[in-house]
Amino acid sequence: MMEPASSAVTICPVCREKIRSTAERCPNCGAERHFGPRLIESGICAFAGMVILAAISRLLIPMSLWTIVFAVTGLCAGFLFSHNRFGGDRWLGQ
């Protein structure tokens, strides 16, 4: 069997086996290339931002409309944080 050209082969970052450089899934270990945050990562970061900023608001001022404004701001900030944190492509193992 012929070996492919060295420029067409890369190493899987999870199992260290040879795979095509354009592969989206490793045939050996099942790891997948993923771009951007997964739904669970976006949800956790958005929820954490909402809870943290709402808690800070409650410490500073009693329950008011400002608490809701802080919670919505935290929700948006957490969502944007997840897109910055997990924005690149990465390999996720099974």
C-alpha atoms as a PDB file:
ATOM      1  CA  MET A   1       0.000   0.000   0.000  1.00  0.00           C
ATOM      2  CA  MET A   2       1.286   3.459  -0.858  1.00  0.00           C
ATOM      3  CA  GLU A   3       1.833   6.019   1.875  1.00  0.00           C
ATOM      4  CA  PRO A   4       0.255   9.444   1.261  1.00  0.00           C
ATOM      5  CA  ALA A   5       2.465  12.482   0.806  1.00  0.00           C
ATOM      6  CA  SER A   6       3.820  13.881   4.064  1.00  0.00           C
ATOM      7  CA  SER A   7       2.008  17.175   3.508  1.00  0.00           C
ATOM      8  CA  ALA A   8      -1.350  15.356   3.424  1.00  0.00           C
ATOM      9  CA  VAL A   9      -0.803  13.567   6.742  1.00  0.00           C
ATOM     10  CA  THR A  10      -1.042  14.968  10.251  1.00  0.00           C
ATOM     11  CA  ILE A  11      -1.055  13.403  13.698  1.00  0.00           C
ATOM     12  CA  CYS A  12      -4.217  13.140  15.791  1.00  0.00           C
ATOM     13  CA  PRO A  13      -3.675  15.228  18.961  1.00  0.00           C
ATOM     14  CA  VAL A  14      -5.583  12.694  21.067  1.00  0.00           C
ATOM     15  CA  CYS A  15      -4.219   9.260  20.046  1.00  0.00           C
ATOM     16  CA  ARG A  16      -1.103  10.287  18.031  1.00  0.00           C
ATOM     17  CA  GLU A  17      -2.038   8.166  14.987  1.00  0.00           C
ATOM     18  CA  LYS A  18      -1.665   9.367  11.393  1.00  0.00           C
ATOM     19  CA  ILE A  19      -4.775  10.929   9.853  1.00  0.00           C
ATOM     20  CA  ARG A  20      -5.494  13.061   6.787  1.00  0.00           C
ATOM     21  CA  SER A  21      -4.905  16.760   7.333  1.00  0.00           C
ATOM     22  CA  THR A  22      -8.493  17.488   6.226  1.00  0.00           C
ATOM     23  CA  ALA A  23     -10.082  14.913   8.535  1.00  0.00           C
ATOM     24  CA  GLU A  24     -12.867  16.079  10.848  1.00  0.00           C
ATOM     25  CA  ARG A  25     -12.931  12.801  12.793  1.00  0.00           C
ATOM     26  CA  CYS A  26     -10.112  10.435  13.753  1.00  0.00           C
ATOM     27  CA  PRO A  27     -10.876   6.900  12.539  1.00  0.00           C
ATOM     28  CA  ASN A  28      -8.725   5.381  15.309  1.00  0.00           C
ATOM     29  CA  CYS A  29      -9.982   7.004  18.526  1.00  0.00           C
ATOM     30  CA  GLY A  30     -13.145   8.792  17.376  1.00  0.00           C
ATOM     31  CA  ALA A  31     -12.001  12.287  18.399  1.00  0.00           C
ATOM     32  CA  GLU A  32     -13.724  15.088  16.499  1.00  0.00           C
ATOM     33  CA  ARG A  33     -12.504  18.501  15.409  1.00  0.00           C
ATOM     34  CA  HIS A  34     -14.833  21.105  16.850  1.00  0.00           C
ATOM     35  CA  PHE A  35     -15.072  24.804  16.018  1.00  0.00           C
ATOM     36  CA  GLY A  36     -16.393  27.231  18.617  1.00  0.00           C
ATOM     37  CA  PRO A  37     -18.121  26.550  21.922  1.00  0.00           C
ATOM     38  CA  ARG A  38     -20.480  23.643  22.414  1.00  0.00           C
ATOM     39  CA  LEU A  39     -24.002  24.334  23.624  1.00  0.00           C
ATOM     40  CA  ILE A  40     -23.226  23.145  27.164  1.00  0.00           C
ATOM     41  CA  GLU A  41     -20.176  25.434  27.406  1.00  0.00           C
ATOM     42  CA  SER A  42     -22.170  28.453  26.237  1.00  0.00           C
ATOM     43  CA  GLY A  43     -24.973  27.632  28.655  1.00  0.00           C
ATOM     44  CA  ILE A  44     -22.719  27.177  31.680  1.00  0.00           C
ATOM     45  CA  CYS A  45     -20.797  30.414  31.039  1.00  0.00           C
ATOM     46  CA  ALA A  46     -23.973  32.429  30.395  1.00  0.00           C
ATOM     47  CA  PHE A  47     -25.668  31.045  33.526  1.00  0.00           C
ATOM     48  CA  ALA A  48     -22.572  31.686  35.656  1.00  0.00           C
ATOM     49  CA  GLY A  49     -22.318  35.280  34.407  1.00  0.00           C
ATOM     50  CA  MET A  50     -25.998  35.869  35.139  1.00  0.00           C
ATOM     51  CA  VAL A  51     -25.767  34.453  38.672  1.00  0.00           C
ATOM     52  CA  ILE A  52     -22.520  36.214  39.557  1.00  0.00           C
ATOM     53  CA  LEU A  53     -23.599  39.677  38.423  1.00  0.00           C
ATOM     54  CA  ALA A  54     -27.067  39.290  39.963  1.00  0.00           C
ATOM     55  CA  ALA A  55     -25.429  38.283  43.271  1.00  0.00           C
ATOM     56  CA  ILE A  56     -23.104  41.280  43.154  1.00  0.00           C
ATOM     57  CA  SER A  57     -26.086  43.519  42.442  1.00  0.00           C
ATOM     58  CA  ARG A  58     -27.969  42.066  45.433  1.00  0.00           C
ATOM     59  CA  LEU A  59     -24.971  42.740  47.673  1.00  0.00           C
ATOM     60  CA  LEU A  60     -24.781  46.367  46.593  1.00  0.00           C
ATOM     61  CA  ILE A  61     -28.469  47.293  46.427  1.00  0.00           C
ATOM     62  CA  PRO A  62     -31.705  45.602  47.516  1.00  0.00           C
ATOM     63  CA  MET A  63     -33.826  43.704  44.990  1.00  0.00           C
ATOM     64  CA  SER A  64     -34.906  46.111  42.253  1.00  0.00           C
ATOM     65  CA  LEU A  65     -35.063  46.532  38.525  1.00  0.00           C
ATOM     66  CA  TRP A  66     -31.287  46.977  38.587  1.00  0.00           C
ATOM     67  CA  THR A  67     -30.881  43.365  39.675  1.00  0.00           C
ATOM     68  CA  ILE A  68     -32.647  42.239  36.504  1.00  0.00           C
ATOM     69  CA  VAL A  69     -30.527  44.581  34.394  1.00  0.00           C
ATOM     70  CA  PHE A  70     -27.359  43.192  36.014  1.00  0.00           C
ATOM     71  CA  ALA A  71     -28.572  39.614  35.437  1.00  0.00           C
ATOM     72  CA  VAL A  72     -29.217  40.241  31.728  1.00  0.00           C
ATOM     73  CA  THR A  73     -25.838  41.966  31.398  1.00  0.00           C
ATOM     74  CA  GLY A  74     -24.170  38.980  33.086  1.00  0.00           C
ATOM     75  CA  LEU A  75     -25.997  36.594  30.769  1.00  0.00           C
ATOM     76  CA  CYS A  76     -24.676  38.430  27.711  1.00  0.00           C
ATOM     77  CA  ALA A  77     -21.180  38.767  29.183  1.00  0.00           C
ATOM     78  CA  GLY A  78     -21.015  35.038  29.973  1.00  0.00           C
ATOM     79  CA  PHE A  79     -22.151  34.157  26.471  1.00  0.00           C
ATOM     80  CA  LEU A  80     -19.491  36.413  24.930  1.00  0.00           C
ATOM     81  CA  PHE A  81     -16.873  35.008  27.309  1.00  0.00           C
ATOM     82  CA  SER A  82     -17.639  31.460  26.153  1.00  0.00           C
ATOM     83  CA  HIS A  83     -17.201  32.486  22.528  1.00  0.00           C
ATOM     84  CA  ASN A  84     -13.846  34.077  23.329  1.00  0.00           C
ATOM     85  CA  ARG A  85     -12.659  31.196  25.509  1.00  0.00           C
ATOM     86  CA  PHE A  86     -13.725  28.333  23.223  1.00  0.00           C
ATOM     87  CA  GLY A  87     -13.591  30.225  19.925  1.00  0.00           C
ATOM     88  CA  GLY A  88     -10.862  28.295  18.143  1.00  0.00           C
ATOM     89  CA  ASP A  89     -10.852  24.850  16.643  1.00  0.00           C
ATOM     90  CA  ARG A  90      -9.949  21.962  18.924  1.00  0.00           C
ATOM     91  CA  TRP A  91     -10.072  18.202  19.063  1.00  0.00           C
ATOM     92  CA  LEU A  92     -12.526  16.683  21.527  1.00  0.00           C
ATOM     93  CA  GLY A  93     -12.078  13.049  22.501  1.00  0.00           C
ATOM     94  CA  GLN A  94     -14.937  10.672  23.110  1.00  0.00           C
END
